[in-house]
Amino acid sequence: MVGACYGNGWGVTKDETKAAEWYRKSAEQGNQHGQVRLGNCFRNGLGVAKDIDTAVLWYHRSADQGWWEAKHELKRLGKYQE
């Protein structure tokens, strides 16, 4: 995923803003991995303004597809109910 390359500086200069942009592109296309990564960006203020509510929104979209990592993050935030 291109976002991970920018987020970690793999083959490109590390750039959290570009990482968030690429995660958003992926997330908006319904990719559960992109959704959880974008949620992480919002939770931690990486490349975007910190916004827990928006992080929770993206985590829910990923969790609704069954992605365990999103469910884990929602549980950590006290926002997940099975």
C-alpha atoms as a PDB file:
ATOM      1  CA  MET A   1       0.000   0.000   0.000  1.00  0.00           C
ATOM      2  CA  VAL A   2       1.385   3.379  -1.014  1.00  0.00           C
ATOM      3  CA  GLY A   3       0.273   4.950   2.280  1.00  0.00           C
ATOM      4  CA  ALA A   4       2.454   2.540   4.234  1.00  0.00           C
ATOM      5  CA  CYS A   5       5.442   3.499   2.082  1.00  0.00           C
ATOM      6  CA  TYR A   6       4.983   7.169   2.942  1.00  0.00           C
ATOM      7  CA  GLY A   7       4.098   6.445   6.561  1.00  0.00           C
ATOM      8  CA  ASN A   8       7.245   4.403   7.105  1.00  0.00           C
ATOM      9  CA  GLY A   9       9.645   5.986   4.618  1.00  0.00           C
ATOM     10  CA  TRP A  10       9.965   2.803   2.553  1.00  0.00           C
ATOM     11  CA  GLY A  11      11.539   3.862  -0.755  1.00  0.00           C
ATOM     12  CA  VAL A  12      10.289   7.433  -0.366  1.00  0.00           C
ATOM     13  CA  THR A  13      10.813  10.277   2.063  1.00  0.00           C
ATOM     14  CA  LYS A  14       8.625   9.728   5.112  1.00  0.00           C
ATOM     15  CA  ASP A  15       5.606  12.017   4.886  1.00  0.00           C
ATOM     16  CA  GLU A  16       2.666  11.489   7.243  1.00  0.00           C
ATOM     17  CA  THR A  17       0.422  13.885   5.310  1.00  0.00           C
ATOM     18  CA  LYS A  18       0.915  11.968   2.060  1.00  0.00           C
ATOM     19  CA  ALA A  19       0.440   8.698   3.947  1.00  0.00           C
ATOM     20  CA  ALA A  20      -2.926   9.900   5.264  1.00  0.00           C
ATOM     21  CA  GLU A  21      -3.937  11.027   1.762  1.00  0.00           C
ATOM     22  CA  TRP A  22      -3.184   7.591   0.329  1.00  0.00           C
ATOM     23  CA  TYR A  23      -4.885   5.805   3.215  1.00  0.00           C
ATOM     24  CA  ARG A  24      -7.963   7.961   2.580  1.00  0.00           C
ATOM     25  CA  LYS A  25      -8.012   7.011  -1.104  1.00  0.00           C
ATOM     26  CA  SER A  26      -7.879   3.356  -0.144  1.00  0.00           C
ATOM     27  CA  ALA A  27     -10.417   3.753   2.675  1.00  0.00           C
ATOM     28  CA  GLU A  28     -12.927   5.568   0.491  1.00  0.00           C
ATOM     29  CA  GLN A  29     -12.784   2.670  -1.978  1.00  0.00           C
ATOM     30  CA  GLY A  30     -13.820   0.328   0.847  1.00  0.00           C
ATOM     31  CA  ASN A  31     -10.442  -1.212   1.653  1.00  0.00           C
ATOM     32  CA  GLN A  32     -10.583  -2.417   5.269  1.00  0.00           C
ATOM     33  CA  HIS A  33      -6.831  -2.047   5.744  1.00  0.00           C
ATOM     34  CA  GLY A  34      -6.868   1.525   4.447  1.00  0.00           C
ATOM     35  CA  GLN A  35      -9.826   2.271   6.725  1.00  0.00           C
ATOM     36  CA  VAL A  36      -8.058   1.098   9.867  1.00  0.00           C
ATOM     37  CA  ARG A  37      -4.843   2.899   8.892  1.00  0.00           C
ATOM     38  CA  LEU A  38      -6.762   6.119   8.277  1.00  0.00           C
ATOM     39  CA  GLY A  39      -8.436   5.608  11.644  1.00  0.00           C
ATOM     40  CA  ASN A  40      -4.972   5.356  13.188  1.00  0.00           C
ATOM     41  CA  CYS A  41      -3.979   8.618  11.520  1.00  0.00           C
ATOM     42  CA  PHE A  42      -6.979  10.394  13.016  1.00  0.00           C
ATOM     43  CA  ARG A  43      -6.549   8.758  16.428  1.00  0.00           C
ATOM     44  CA  ASN A  44      -2.927   9.874  16.666  1.00  0.00           C
ATOM     45  CA  GLY A  45      -2.967  13.087  14.617  1.00  0.00           C
ATOM     46  CA  LEU A  46      -0.591  11.694  11.988  1.00  0.00           C
ATOM     47  CA  GLY A  47      -0.826  13.775   8.819  1.00  0.00           C
ATOM     48  CA  VAL A  48      -4.295  15.002   9.821  1.00  0.00           C
ATOM     49  CA  ALA A  49      -5.752  16.842  12.789  1.00  0.00           C
ATOM     50  CA  LYS A  50      -6.383  14.517  15.709  1.00  0.00           C
ATOM     51  CA  ASP A  51     -10.064  13.562  15.744  1.00  0.00           C
ATOM     52  CA  ILE A  52     -11.200  10.557  17.780  1.00  0.00           C
ATOM     53  CA  ASP A  53     -14.748  10.643  16.403  1.00  0.00           C
ATOM     54  CA  THR A  54     -13.468  10.389  12.828  1.00  0.00           C
ATOM     55  CA  ALA A  55     -11.057   7.629  13.866  1.00  0.00           C
ATOM     56  CA  VAL A  56     -13.980   5.682  15.344  1.00  0.00           C
ATOM     57  CA  LEU A  57     -15.983   6.158  12.131  1.00  0.00           C
ATOM     58  CA  TRP A  58     -13.195   4.622  10.030  1.00  0.00           C
ATOM     59  CA  TYR A  59     -12.577   1.841  12.546  1.00  0.00           C
ATOM     60  CA  HIS A  60     -16.283   0.945  12.407  1.00  0.00           C
ATOM     61  CA  ARG A  61     -16.232   0.799   8.614  1.00  0.00           C
ATOM     62  CA  SER A  62     -13.311  -1.608   8.763  1.00  0.00           C
ATOM     63  CA  ALA A  63     -14.745  -3.631  11.651  1.00  0.00           C
ATOM     64  CA  ASP A  64     -18.030  -3.991   9.755  1.00  0.00           C
ATOM     65  CA  GLN A  65     -16.020  -5.918   7.170  1.00  0.00           C
ATOM     66  CA  GLY A  66     -14.672  -8.197   9.897  1.00  0.00           C
ATOM     67  CA  TRP A  67     -11.160  -6.768  10.197  1.00  0.00           C
ATOM     68  CA  TRP A  68      -9.825  -7.837  13.606  1.00  0.00           C
ATOM     69  CA  GLU A  69      -7.439  -4.907  13.985  1.00  0.00           C
ATOM     70  CA  ALA A  70     -10.268  -2.389  13.691  1.00  0.00           C
ATOM     71  CA  LYS A  71     -12.282  -4.294  16.294  1.00  0.00           C
ATOM     72  CA  HIS A  72      -9.260  -4.258  18.583  1.00  0.00           C
ATOM     73  CA  GLU A  73      -8.836  -0.487  18.215  1.00  0.00           C
ATOM     74  CA  LEU A  74     -12.533   0.088  18.903  1.00  0.00           C
ATOM     75  CA  LYS A  75     -12.305  -2.071  22.032  1.00  0.00           C
ATOM     76  CA  ARG A  76      -9.307  -0.037  23.215  1.00  0.00           C
ATOM     77  CA  LEU A  77     -11.393   3.111  22.800  1.00  0.00           C
ATOM     78  CA  GLY A  78     -14.433   1.539  24.508  1.00  0.00           C
ATOM     79  CA  LYS A  79     -16.446   1.889  21.278  1.00  0.00           C
ATOM     80  CA  TYR A  80     -17.004  -1.745  20.238  1.00  0.00           C
ATOM     81  CA  GLN A  81     -19.878  -3.980  21.144  1.00  0.00           C
ATOM     82  CA  GLU A  82     -20.198  -7.526  19.818  1.00  0.00           C
END
